Protein backbone atom coordinates (compact mmCIF):
# COMPACT_ATOMS: atom_id res chain seq x y z
CA MET A 1 -0.29 -0.22 0.35
CA ASP A 2 1.10 3.16 -1.35
CA LEU A 3 1.10 5.59 1.63
CA GLN A 4 2.52 8.68 -0.06
CA LEU A 5 -0.73 10.59 -1.43
CA THR A 6 -0.41 13.71 -3.75
CA THR A 7 -3.07 16.00 -4.77
CA LYS A 8 -2.40 19.05 -7.03
CA ARG A 9 -0.79 21.31 -4.53
CA LEU A 10 0.22 18.74 -1.95
CA VAL A 11 2.52 15.43 -0.80
CA LEU A 12 0.55 13.75 2.19
CA ARG A 13 3.46 11.35 3.38
CA PRO A 14 4.15 9.49 6.93
CA LEU A 15 5.02 11.57 9.65
CA LEU A 16 9.27 10.64 10.10
CA MET A 17 11.72 11.56 13.50
CA SER A 18 13.29 14.48 11.29
CA ASP A 19 9.47 16.33 11.27
CA VAL A 20 9.98 17.01 15.18
CA GLY A 21 10.77 20.78 14.46
CA LEU A 22 7.48 20.98 12.74
CA VAL A 23 5.54 19.10 15.18
CA ILE A 24 7.23 21.96 17.84
CA GLU A 25 6.54 24.49 15.78
CA MET A 26 2.69 23.90 15.13
CA PHE A 27 1.98 22.00 19.10
CA THR A 28 4.05 24.82 20.85
CA ASP A 29 2.05 27.57 19.18
CA HIS A 30 -0.73 29.12 21.09
CA GLN A 31 -3.21 30.10 18.67
CA ILE A 32 -2.86 26.64 16.57
CA MET A 33 -3.92 24.85 19.96
CA LYS A 34 -6.49 27.01 20.63
CA TYR A 35 -9.36 24.30 20.15
CA ALA A 36 -6.64 21.25 20.91
CA GLY A 37 -6.71 21.59 24.43
CA GLY A 38 -3.84 23.94 24.45
CA PRO A 39 0.06 24.14 24.02
CA ILE A 40 2.43 21.62 24.70
CA SER A 41 5.59 21.35 25.98
CA GLU A 42 8.97 21.30 23.56
CA GLU A 43 9.93 18.73 26.29
CA LYS A 44 7.00 16.29 25.89
CA ILE A 45 6.98 16.21 22.00
CA ASN A 46 10.28 15.35 22.00
CA ALA A 47 10.04 12.49 24.67
CA GLU A 48 6.25 11.57 22.65
CA MET A 49 7.69 11.77 19.05
CA ALA A 50 8.65 8.42 18.56
CA LEU A 51 4.85 7.58 19.33
CA ASN A 52 3.78 10.00 16.71
CA ILE A 53 5.52 8.41 13.94
CA ARG A 54 3.83 4.80 14.96
CA ARG A 55 1.51 3.56 12.11
CA GLY A 56 -0.88 0.57 12.51
CA GLY A 57 -3.79 -1.18 10.21
CA LYS A 58 -0.84 -1.92 7.77
CA GLY A 59 -0.14 1.68 7.24
CA CYS A 60 -3.24 3.06 6.99
CA VAL A 61 -3.61 4.39 10.66
CA GLY A 62 -1.34 7.15 11.73
CA VAL A 63 0.20 11.16 11.07
CA TRP A 64 0.82 12.32 7.57
CA CYS A 65 3.06 15.39 7.13
CA ILE A 66 1.52 17.80 4.46
CA CYS A 67 4.23 19.27 2.53
CA ASP A 68 3.95 21.76 -0.76
CA ARG A 69 3.88 19.18 -3.98
CA ALA A 70 6.20 21.76 -5.27
CA SER A 71 8.84 22.49 -3.02
CA GLY A 72 8.68 20.23 -0.47
CA GLU A 73 8.06 22.76 2.31
CA ALA A 74 6.18 20.87 5.22
CA PHE A 75 3.61 23.10 6.67
CA GLY A 76 1.03 20.31 8.98
CA SER A 77 -0.21 16.93 9.52
CA ILE A 78 -3.20 15.23 8.95
CA ALA A 79 -3.86 11.79 11.15
CA LEU A 80 -6.52 8.73 11.10
CA LEU A 81 -5.84 7.70 14.57
CA PRO A 82 -8.12 5.85 17.22
CA LEU A 83 -10.58 8.41 18.98
CA PRO A 84 -10.46 8.89 22.65
CA ILE A 85 -13.09 8.96 24.49
CA ASP A 86 -12.57 9.06 28.42
CA GLN A 87 -8.67 9.92 27.99
CA ASP A 88 -7.85 13.18 27.05
CA HIS A 89 -5.23 11.90 24.84
CA THR A 90 -4.78 9.43 21.85
CA ASP A 91 -3.87 6.03 23.23
CA TRP A 92 -1.06 4.84 21.09
CA GLU A 93 -1.22 1.28 22.57
CA GLN A 94 -4.10 0.98 20.08
CA VAL A 95 -2.04 1.27 17.05
CA VAL A 96 -0.61 -1.34 16.14
CA GLU A 97 1.45 -2.43 12.79
CA ASN A 98 -0.76 -5.05 11.49
CA GLN A 99 -4.24 -4.53 12.72
CA LEU A 100 -7.01 -2.02 12.96
CA PRO A 101 -7.55 -0.40 16.00
CA ASP A 102 -11.04 -1.59 18.04
CA GLY A 103 -12.78 1.76 18.51
CA GLU A 104 -13.69 4.87 16.41
CA ILE A 105 -11.17 5.91 13.66
CA GLU A 106 -10.94 10.38 13.71
CA ILE A 107 -9.41 12.45 11.39
CA GLY A 108 -7.86 15.43 12.60
CA TYR A 109 -5.38 18.17 11.00
CA PHE A 110 -3.18 20.71 11.87
CA LEU A 111 -1.45 23.75 9.66
CA LYS A 112 1.17 26.25 10.31
CA ARG A 113 -0.14 29.45 10.68
CA ALA A 114 1.31 30.84 7.37
CA ALA A 115 -0.40 27.86 5.61
CA TRP A 116 -3.82 28.78 7.15
CA GLY A 117 -6.52 30.27 4.56
CA ASN A 118 -5.42 28.47 1.51
CA GLY A 119 -8.26 25.37 1.73
CA TYR A 120 -4.60 23.01 2.50
CA ALA A 121 -7.01 21.04 5.18
CA THR A 122 -9.93 20.84 2.75
CA GLU A 123 -7.42 19.17 0.41
CA ALA A 124 -5.42 16.98 2.38
CA ALA A 125 -8.49 15.66 4.19
CA GLU A 126 -10.28 15.02 1.03
CA ARG A 127 -7.47 13.32 -0.26
CA LEU A 128 -6.78 11.32 2.77
CA LEU A 129 -10.25 9.98 2.78
CA CYS A 130 -10.29 9.23 -0.77
CA PHE A 131 -7.29 6.69 0.33
CA THR A 132 -9.33 5.46 3.35
CA PHE A 133 -12.32 4.48 1.20
CA GLU A 134 -10.56 3.46 -1.83
CA ASP A 135 -7.44 1.64 -0.51
CA THR A 136 -8.34 -0.08 3.19
CA SER A 137 -11.35 -1.77 4.49
CA LEU A 138 -12.34 1.26 6.68
CA LYS A 139 -15.85 1.72 6.40
CA GLU A 140 -16.19 5.23 8.54
CA VAL A 141 -14.46 7.95 9.86
CA VAL A 142 -15.14 10.29 12.62
CA ALA A 143 -14.14 13.94 14.08
CA VAL A 144 -14.90 15.96 17.16
CA ILE A 145 -14.51 19.86 17.11
CA ASP A 146 -14.02 22.38 19.83
CA PRO A 147 -17.77 23.97 19.35
CA GLU A 148 -15.88 27.33 18.67
CA ASN A 149 -13.51 26.25 16.05
CA LYS A 150 -15.71 27.45 12.87
CA SER A 151 -12.63 26.65 10.42
CA SER A 152 -12.62 23.15 11.40
CA ARG A 153 -16.05 22.83 11.05
CA ARG A 154 -16.13 24.64 8.17
CA VAL A 155 -13.37 21.74 6.43
CA LEU A 156 -16.11 18.99 7.75
CA ASP A 157 -18.72 20.31 5.85
CA LYS A 158 -16.87 20.97 2.50
CA ILE A 159 -15.45 17.31 2.86
CA GLY A 160 -19.32 15.30 3.66
CA PHE A 161 -18.99 14.92 7.23
CA VAL A 162 -22.41 15.18 8.96
CA SER A 163 -23.11 15.94 12.12
CA THR A 164 -24.05 13.49 14.47
CA GLY A 165 -25.08 15.57 17.73
CA THR A 166 -23.03 15.75 21.13
CA ARG A 167 -20.71 12.90 21.94
CA ARG A 168 -17.90 11.57 24.69
CA ALA A 169 -14.86 12.34 23.30
CA TYR A 170 -11.45 13.24 24.77
CA GLY A 171 -12.72 13.32 28.33
CA GLN A 172 -15.62 15.67 27.72
CA LYS A 173 -18.89 16.44 25.61
CA LEU A 174 -18.35 17.80 21.77
CA PRO A 175 -19.71 18.26 19.12
CA GLY A 176 -19.56 15.08 16.43
CA PHE A 177 -19.25 14.39 12.87
CA SER A 178 -19.03 10.76 10.84
CA ILE A 179 -18.71 10.09 7.14
CA SER A 180 -19.23 6.82 5.82
CA ALA A 181 -17.85 5.01 2.82
CA ASP A 182 -20.93 5.01 1.52
CA MET A 183 -21.73 8.77 1.97
CA TYR A 184 -18.51 9.24 0.48
CA ARG A 185 -18.83 7.35 -2.78
CA VAL A 186 -22.46 9.18 -2.98
CA LYS A 187 -20.59 12.26 -2.83
CA HIS A 188 -17.97 10.98 -5.21
CA PRO A 189 -19.39 8.07 -7.45
CA SER A 190 -16.22 7.92 -9.30
CA LEU A 191 -14.97 5.65 -6.63
């Protein structure tokens, strides 16, 4: 399974240890992390970077680095990971090389501020969903957002997610969304 995914403007490739600088830049930024539990310390990111590059389900579960296709510049990340219900973070023990996690798989995305407002999150998420429903056995992807995160809500709307109401995730009650393979195929009948 080819885990490097391309769009007109982007390359999504599996996150590497060498991407730690990008992860630090994004996850220590108060504005970027405003709706995701707040900034994370550089020390914690360095200590946990090996977890962030783990892949499960033969590679289809994990984190991808979002890069500019022309220049190669890395400016974000997008992930398919097990949705935590009562914990406030991903349970990396569920990310096992040759098996899919038992619970729901969520999509999540982060961009450096300089990349905001260009449609990159939508483009990357659309490509990752295409990969998910064409090349893996996953039948549904879910998402949760902070109720104030209007930008993330717009991305989910554009790529076909529907509201599932308030649900428990990350140890709190949050707006939930989902898209099934069948719903995706209705929007993209060429699959």
